[in-house]
Protein backbone atom coordinates (compact mmCIF):
# COMPACT_ATOMS: atom_id res chain seq x y z
CA MET A 1 54.14 26.71 -40.03
CA GLU A 2 51.63 26.38 -42.74
CA TYR A 3 52.75 24.47 -45.73
CA ARG A 4 51.49 24.75 -49.29
CA TYR A 5 51.86 23.12 -52.55
CA LEU A 6 54.36 24.54 -55.12
CA GLY A 7 51.86 25.15 -58.04
CA ARG A 8 50.40 22.32 -59.29
CA SER A 9 53.16 20.21 -58.07
CA GLY A 10 53.01 17.82 -55.30
CA LEU A 11 55.91 19.40 -53.47
CA LYS A 12 55.01 21.29 -50.15
CA VAL A 13 56.91 24.56 -49.22
CA SER A 14 56.83 26.34 -45.72
CA ALA A 15 54.78 29.76 -46.23
CA LEU A 16 57.94 31.24 -45.52
CA THR A 17 61.49 30.63 -47.07
CA MET A 18 64.55 31.60 -45.41
CA GLY A 19 66.49 34.14 -47.70
CA THR A 20 70.33 34.07 -47.79
CA PHE A 21 71.14 37.27 -49.76
CA THR A 22 73.07 38.68 -46.73
CA PHE A 23 75.22 35.33 -46.29
CA GLY A 24 78.88 36.11 -47.14
CA GLY A 25 78.75 39.83 -47.64
CA ARG A 26 81.42 39.76 -50.70
CA GLY A 27 81.46 42.88 -52.67
CA ASP A 28 78.35 45.07 -52.70
CA PHE A 29 76.62 42.48 -51.01
CA GLY A 30 78.22 43.61 -47.81
CA ARG A 31 75.99 46.89 -47.69
CA VAL A 32 73.16 44.47 -46.95
CA GLY A 33 74.74 41.90 -44.50
CA ALA A 34 77.69 39.81 -44.12
CA GLN A 35 76.75 36.78 -42.02
CA ASP A 36 79.64 34.23 -41.43
CA ILE A 37 79.07 30.15 -41.09
CA GLU A 38 78.34 30.76 -37.18
CA GLU A 39 76.24 33.50 -37.32
CA ALA A 40 74.36 32.03 -40.38
CA GLY A 41 73.97 29.01 -38.52
CA ARG A 42 72.38 30.77 -35.87
CA LEU A 43 69.80 32.25 -37.77
CA VAL A 44 68.90 29.12 -39.75
CA ASP A 45 68.32 27.27 -36.66
CA VAL A 46 65.83 30.03 -35.69
CA CYS A 47 64.12 29.27 -39.01
CA LEU A 48 64.34 25.54 -39.14
CA ASP A 49 62.66 25.66 -35.35
CA ARG A 50 60.02 27.58 -36.67
CA GLY A 51 59.12 25.02 -39.43
CA VAL A 52 60.71 26.85 -42.26
CA ASN A 53 61.48 23.79 -44.98
CA LEU A 54 63.06 25.79 -47.77
CA ILE A 55 66.23 28.23 -47.96
CA ASP A 56 66.71 30.56 -50.93
CA THR A 57 70.03 31.52 -52.69
CA ALA A 58 71.80 32.06 -55.96
CA ASN A 59 74.90 31.74 -57.25
CA MET A 60 75.60 35.23 -57.69
CA TYR A 61 74.91 36.03 -53.99
CA SER A 62 78.35 37.30 -52.82
CA THR A 63 79.58 35.47 -56.08
CA GLY A 64 79.00 31.98 -54.80
CA LEU A 65 80.03 32.80 -51.39
CA SER A 66 76.12 32.58 -50.01
CA GLU A 67 76.07 29.12 -51.23
CA GLU A 68 79.04 28.07 -49.62
CA VAL A 69 77.99 29.40 -46.45
CA VAL A 70 74.50 27.55 -47.13
CA GLY A 71 76.32 24.12 -47.66
CA ALA A 72 78.60 24.63 -44.50
CA VAL A 73 75.60 25.40 -42.53
CA MET A 74 73.44 22.60 -43.57
CA LYS A 75 76.08 19.92 -43.45
CA ASP A 76 74.92 19.02 -39.99
CA ARG A 77 71.44 19.77 -39.98
CA ASP A 78 68.17 18.31 -41.61
CA PRO A 79 69.12 16.82 -45.06
CA ASP A 80 65.48 17.14 -46.04
CA THR A 81 65.59 20.95 -46.09
CA LEU A 82 64.70 22.22 -49.54
CA ILE A 83 67.14 24.07 -51.14
CA CYS A 84 66.37 26.72 -54.29
CA SER A 85 69.39 28.29 -56.15
CA LYS A 86 69.35 30.38 -59.29
CA ALA A 87 71.56 31.22 -62.24
CA ARG A 88 71.71 33.29 -65.15
CA MET A 89 73.26 36.57 -63.81
CA ARG A 90 77.06 37.39 -64.74
CA ILE A 91 79.53 35.63 -62.23
CA GLY A 92 82.66 36.00 -64.49
CA GLU A 93 84.33 37.99 -67.31
CA GLY A 94 84.04 35.56 -69.71
CA PRO A 95 81.97 35.66 -72.91
CA ASN A 96 80.04 32.84 -71.34
CA ASP A 97 79.63 33.87 -67.78
CA GLU A 98 76.19 35.01 -68.02
CA GLY A 99 73.02 33.98 -69.45
CA MET A 100 70.74 30.72 -69.86
CA SER A 101 72.78 28.70 -72.87
CA ARG A 102 73.06 25.09 -72.16
CA TRP A 103 76.77 25.50 -71.65
CA HIS A 104 76.17 28.18 -68.82
CA LEU A 105 73.36 26.67 -67.04
CA ILE A 106 74.98 22.96 -66.78
CA ARG A 107 78.11 24.64 -65.60
CA GLU A 108 76.68 26.79 -62.99
CA CYS A 109 74.27 24.04 -61.64
CA GLU A 110 77.33 21.74 -61.21
CA ARG A 111 79.38 24.70 -59.36
CA SER A 112 76.34 25.41 -57.28
CA LEU A 113 76.15 21.64 -56.34
CA LYS A 114 79.55 21.58 -55.27
CA ARG A 115 79.40 24.97 -53.11
CA LEU A 116 76.21 23.57 -51.50
CA GLY A 117 77.89 19.98 -50.68
CA ARG A 118 74.34 18.57 -52.02
CA ASP A 119 73.93 15.95 -55.14
CA HIS A 120 70.67 17.98 -55.99
CA ILE A 121 69.04 21.36 -56.00
CA ASP A 122 65.38 21.07 -55.09
CA ILE A 123 64.13 24.19 -56.99
CA TYR A 124 66.31 25.70 -59.90
CA LEU A 125 65.33 29.14 -60.93
CA MET A 126 66.20 31.21 -64.27
CA HIS A 127 67.32 34.49 -62.09
CA GLU A 128 66.80 36.94 -65.12
CA TRP A 129 65.55 36.83 -68.81
CA ASP A 130 67.99 36.22 -71.50
CA GLY A 131 66.32 37.23 -75.05
CA GLN A 132 69.63 36.07 -76.77
CA THR A 133 69.37 32.23 -76.22
CA PRO A 134 66.84 30.35 -77.86
CA MET A 135 63.91 29.00 -75.49
CA ASP A 136 63.83 25.56 -76.59
CA GLU A 137 67.71 25.48 -75.74
CA VAL A 138 67.00 26.88 -72.31
CA MET A 139 64.14 24.34 -71.86
CA SER A 140 65.98 21.45 -72.97
CA ALA A 141 68.87 22.05 -70.52
CA LEU A 142 66.75 22.36 -67.64
CA ASP A 143 64.98 18.96 -68.51
CA ARG A 144 68.37 17.61 -68.95
CA LEU A 145 69.44 18.60 -65.33
CA VAL A 146 65.86 17.32 -64.02
CA ARG A 147 66.56 13.89 -65.95
CA ASP A 148 70.03 13.69 -64.85
CA GLY A 149 68.78 14.15 -61.07
CA LYS A 150 70.91 17.26 -60.46
CA VAL A 151 67.62 19.27 -60.47
CA ARG A 152 63.98 18.37 -58.96
CA TYR A 153 62.05 21.49 -59.94
CA THR A 154 62.54 24.56 -62.23
CA GLY A 155 60.99 28.16 -62.48
CA CYS A 156 61.93 31.57 -63.55
CA SER A 157 62.38 34.58 -61.87
CA ASN A 158 61.81 38.49 -62.81
CA TRP A 159 60.34 37.62 -66.19
CA SER A 160 57.29 39.36 -67.92
CA GLY A 161 54.32 37.33 -68.58
CA TRP A 162 54.89 36.76 -72.21
CA GLN A 163 58.29 35.74 -71.40
CA VAL A 164 57.12 33.11 -68.99
CA MET A 165 54.58 31.74 -71.25
CA LYS A 166 57.23 31.52 -74.06
CA GLY A 167 58.89 29.10 -71.69
CA LEU A 168 55.94 27.23 -70.96
CA MET A 169 54.79 26.66 -74.70
CA ALA A 170 58.59 25.57 -75.50
CA SER A 171 58.63 22.98 -72.73
CA GLY A 172 55.09 21.52 -73.83
CA ALA A 173 56.12 21.44 -77.68
CA GLY A 174 59.18 19.69 -76.87
CA GLY A 175 57.81 17.46 -74.37
CA LEU A 176 60.15 18.76 -71.70
CA GLU A 177 60.21 19.64 -67.84
CA ARG A 178 57.63 22.48 -67.35
CA PHE A 179 58.35 25.28 -65.07
CA THR A 180 56.69 24.76 -61.46
CA ALA A 181 57.26 28.28 -60.07
CA GLN A 182 58.37 31.80 -60.57
CA GLN A 183 59.81 33.91 -58.13
CA ILE A 184 58.58 37.72 -58.59
CA HIS A 185 58.79 41.00 -56.52
CA TYR A 186 55.21 41.64 -55.32
CA THR A 187 54.20 43.71 -52.10
CA LEU A 188 51.55 46.29 -51.00
CA GLU A 189 53.51 49.01 -52.47
CA ALA A 190 54.73 47.23 -55.60
CA ARG A 191 51.29 45.46 -57.22
CA GLU A 192 52.29 45.27 -61.20
CA ALA A 193 52.39 41.47 -60.84
CA GLU A 194 48.45 41.56 -60.59
CA TYR A 195 48.57 42.82 -64.08
CA GLU A 196 50.02 39.58 -65.61
CA LEU A 197 52.15 37.61 -63.50
CA LEU A 198 49.79 36.55 -60.80
CA PRO A 199 46.87 35.81 -63.35
CA LEU A 200 49.23 33.79 -65.20
CA SER A 201 50.32 31.77 -62.19
CA VAL A 202 46.66 31.06 -61.36
CA ASP A 203 45.82 29.78 -65.09
CA GLN A 204 49.16 28.08 -65.41
CA GLY A 205 49.46 26.49 -61.99
CA LEU A 206 52.78 28.01 -61.08
CA GLY A 207 53.64 28.55 -57.49
CA VAL A 208 54.59 32.02 -56.53
CA MET A 209 57.43 32.73 -54.60
CA ILE A 210 58.17 36.61 -53.51
CA TRP A 211 61.36 38.03 -53.10
CA SER A 212 62.03 41.30 -51.22
CA PRO A 213 58.18 40.94 -49.50
CA LEU A 214 58.85 43.82 -47.35
CA VAL A 215 60.39 46.12 -49.81
CA ALA A 216 63.76 45.81 -48.24
CA GLY A 217 62.42 46.64 -44.93
CA LEU A 218 60.52 49.70 -46.02
CA LEU A 219 57.17 48.20 -44.88
CA THR A 220 58.32 47.33 -41.39
CA GLY A 221 57.06 50.48 -39.76
CA LYS A 222 60.55 51.03 -38.86
CA HIS A 223 61.24 54.00 -41.33
CA SER A 224 59.16 57.04 -41.30
CA HIS A 225 58.53 60.13 -43.64
CA GLU A 226 61.50 61.86 -42.16
CA ALA A 227 64.53 59.70 -42.19
CA PHE A 228 65.25 55.92 -43.06
CA ALA A 229 66.17 53.64 -39.96
CA GLU A 230 69.54 54.09 -38.41
CA GLY A 231 71.95 51.36 -40.16
CA SER A 232 69.40 50.14 -42.60
CA ARG A 233 70.49 49.23 -46.20
CA GLN A 234 68.54 52.40 -47.13
CA ALA A 235 70.53 54.61 -45.11
CA LYS A 236 73.60 53.41 -46.64
CA GLY A 237 72.41 54.18 -50.24
CA TRP A 238 70.57 50.86 -51.25
CA THR A 239 68.18 51.35 -53.69
CA GLU A 240 66.53 48.25 -54.83
CA PRO A 241 63.57 47.84 -55.32
CA PRO A 242 62.88 51.29 -56.48
CA ILE A 243 60.17 53.22 -55.23
CA ARG A 244 58.13 55.24 -58.12
CA ASP A 245 55.89 57.25 -55.42
CA TRP A 246 57.32 58.01 -52.33
CA GLY A 247 53.97 59.72 -50.79
CA ARG A 248 52.29 56.50 -51.90
CA LEU A 249 54.69 54.42 -49.94
CA TRP A 250 54.33 56.28 -46.72
CA ASP A 251 50.29 56.32 -47.02
CA ILE A 252 50.81 52.54 -47.01
CA VAL A 253 52.84 52.34 -44.28
CA ASP A 254 50.35 54.64 -42.11
CA VAL A 255 47.50 52.33 -43.13
CA LEU A 256 49.70 49.26 -41.87
CA ARG A 257 50.23 50.98 -38.77
CA ASP A 258 46.67 51.57 -38.24
CA VAL A 259 45.80 48.18 -39.11
CA ALA A 260 48.53 46.37 -36.91
CA GLY A 261 47.84 48.15 -33.74
CA ASP A 262 49.97 46.25 -31.04
CA ARG A 263 51.05 43.66 -33.54
CA PRO A 264 54.38 43.96 -35.88
CA VAL A 265 53.71 46.14 -38.86
CA ALA A 266 55.93 43.59 -40.81
CA GLN A 267 53.57 40.79 -39.79
CA VAL A 268 50.55 42.31 -41.34
CA ALA A 269 52.25 43.18 -44.37
CA LEU A 270 53.44 39.60 -45.05
CA ALA A 271 49.84 38.46 -43.93
CA TRP A 272 48.48 40.40 -46.45
CA LEU A 273 50.74 38.68 -49.22
CA LEU A 274 49.78 35.27 -47.72
CA GLN A 275 46.12 35.54 -48.76
CA ARG A 276 46.70 36.46 -52.33
CA PRO A 277 45.94 33.95 -55.27
CA ALA A 278 48.95 31.55 -56.09
CA VAL A 279 51.32 32.65 -53.65
CA ALA A 280 53.18 29.55 -52.43
CA THR A 281 55.80 30.99 -50.19
CA LEU A 282 57.40 34.58 -49.17
CA VAL A 283 61.20 34.71 -49.25
CA VAL A 284 62.31 36.61 -45.83
CA GLY A 285 65.90 37.60 -45.00
CA GLY A 286 67.18 39.33 -41.76
CA ARG A 287 70.22 40.41 -40.22
CA THR A 288 69.44 39.25 -36.50
CA GLU A 289 67.62 36.29 -34.64
CA ALA A 290 65.03 39.07 -33.43
CA GLN A 291 64.24 40.17 -37.13
CA PHE A 292 63.60 36.56 -38.22
CA ALA A 293 61.70 35.62 -35.16
CA GLU A 294 59.35 38.71 -35.77
CA THR A 295 58.85 38.07 -39.44
CA LEU A 296 58.25 34.22 -38.90
CA GLY A 297 55.32 34.94 -36.79
CA ALA A 298 53.38 36.21 -39.92
CA ALA A 299 52.44 32.44 -40.50
CA ASP A 300 50.25 32.49 -37.55
CA LEU A 301 48.37 35.79 -38.33
CA THR A 302 44.91 35.85 -40.25
CA LEU A 303 43.74 39.68 -41.16
CA THR A 304 39.98 40.08 -41.04
CA PRO A 305 38.06 40.91 -44.25
CA GLU A 306 37.77 44.51 -42.82
CA GLU A 307 41.82 44.65 -42.51
CA ILE A 308 42.64 43.22 -46.07
CA ALA A 309 39.94 45.88 -47.33
CA LYS A 310 41.69 48.68 -45.72
CA LEU A 311 44.93 47.43 -47.17
CA ASP A 312 43.76 47.07 -50.53
CA THR A 313 42.19 50.44 -50.90
CA VAL A 314 45.37 52.33 -50.23
CA SER A 315 47.52 50.24 -52.35
CA ARG A 316 45.28 49.01 -55.20
CA PRO A 317 46.94 49.64 -58.65
CA PRO A 318 44.87 51.21 -61.31
CA LEU A 319 43.44 49.20 -64.39
CA ILE A 320 45.58 50.06 -67.26
CA TYR A 321 44.61 49.15 -70.75
CA PRO A 322 43.37 46.72 -71.80
CA TYR A 323 42.17 45.71 -68.27
CA TRP A 324 39.93 49.06 -67.70
CA HIS A 325 38.19 47.60 -71.07
CA GLN A 326 37.85 44.16 -69.91
CA ASN A 327 36.44 45.20 -66.34
CA GLN A 328 33.83 47.11 -68.14
CA PHE A 329 32.71 44.33 -70.51
CA ALA A 330 34.02 41.00 -69.94
CA LYS A 331 33.05 40.59 -66.25
CA PRO A 332 30.58 37.92 -67.16
CA ARG A 333 33.06 35.72 -68.84
CA PHE A 334 36.03 36.21 -66.06
CA ASN A 335 37.71 33.18 -64.94
CA GLU A 336 39.82 32.63 -61.73
CA ALA A 337 42.82 33.99 -63.06
CA ASP A 338 40.98 37.20 -64.29
CA TRP A 339 39.71 37.91 -60.78
CA ALA A 340 43.59 37.92 -59.37
CA LEU A 341 43.55 41.22 -60.72
CA HIS A 342 39.96 42.39 -61.09
CA ALA A 343 38.59 41.47 -57.55
CA GLY A 344 37.34 44.66 -56.06
CA GLN A 345 38.36 46.69 -59.10
CA SER A 346 36.25 48.97 -60.69
CA VAL A 347 36.83 52.00 -63.40
CA ASP A 348 36.47 55.29 -62.39
CA GLY A 349 35.09 57.87 -64.78
CA LEU A 350 33.65 55.55 -67.59
CA GLU A 351 30.07 55.48 -66.36
CA GLY A 352 27.90 55.26 -69.39
CA TYR A 353 30.87 54.57 -71.83
CA ASP A 354 29.83 53.13 -74.97
CA THR A 355 32.13 51.30 -77.39
């Protein structure tokens, strides 16, 4: 297993993180998976045996049951295994049962600690944006949790570029604990993060954690143009993350199969992500030991430049404004963050363009 620094921090995380979205199976989460403590324990052992040192959960996964299962499973396992959890989503009917108010975040952190059976959470992420709570309140609450020893590192998830920068500016202005990471959706099929979130992470030293790196299984090669795989979440009506262009998705899958050859398609899709800028770890889930064993093999796979080029060509996003203009006229002044989007890009149809 490869271990990478989480952003500019001194914390090392395994290149692959174990996701626990399927632990518990309460409510709608049961459509994806429903591992109990015994079954979850077997899956955790597969991951720990392969060198995974980070387990990802959230307070809203099965409304807390996922955290309870993680806590029960990890009670008799390596106490140095890192735990990432999250807060922000609605977890009750009360007026303060969602958001990023100081009241909500401190309460939810303490509830998560109790369910996990731990005295601290290693990485605590704000699971979504909350435009109603002042940012200085959010960052001061997280700073307090770090100072009290209940949280080691903080970050955000599913925020836009300007929202992340607002959080970083608030922490800087107040001398408060700074975000270390952001967890985002980023795949060969969904490369929108390259417009803002990836360059921002390079520039600001944030470690990128990627959720659903296989697009909920659609990049495993087990689905086809004709039908979803039997028993899959898509076959049961699951629609997250959304696919904007199914034809493009299947084109990407075809190239993945071609590049993979005799290798597992899922490993190739994950290996492509692991070579992208600022990426620290991929959060991978699974319902069986065989699924985890297959995906964890991506940590040992290195793609050739030719293979990466094929995958880039079929999946590269178009340069929207202002990036097409910058590509034409600002290249000599680009920095490392700019190249997270612009590497290999060109502006078609603008030869001879004159401002």
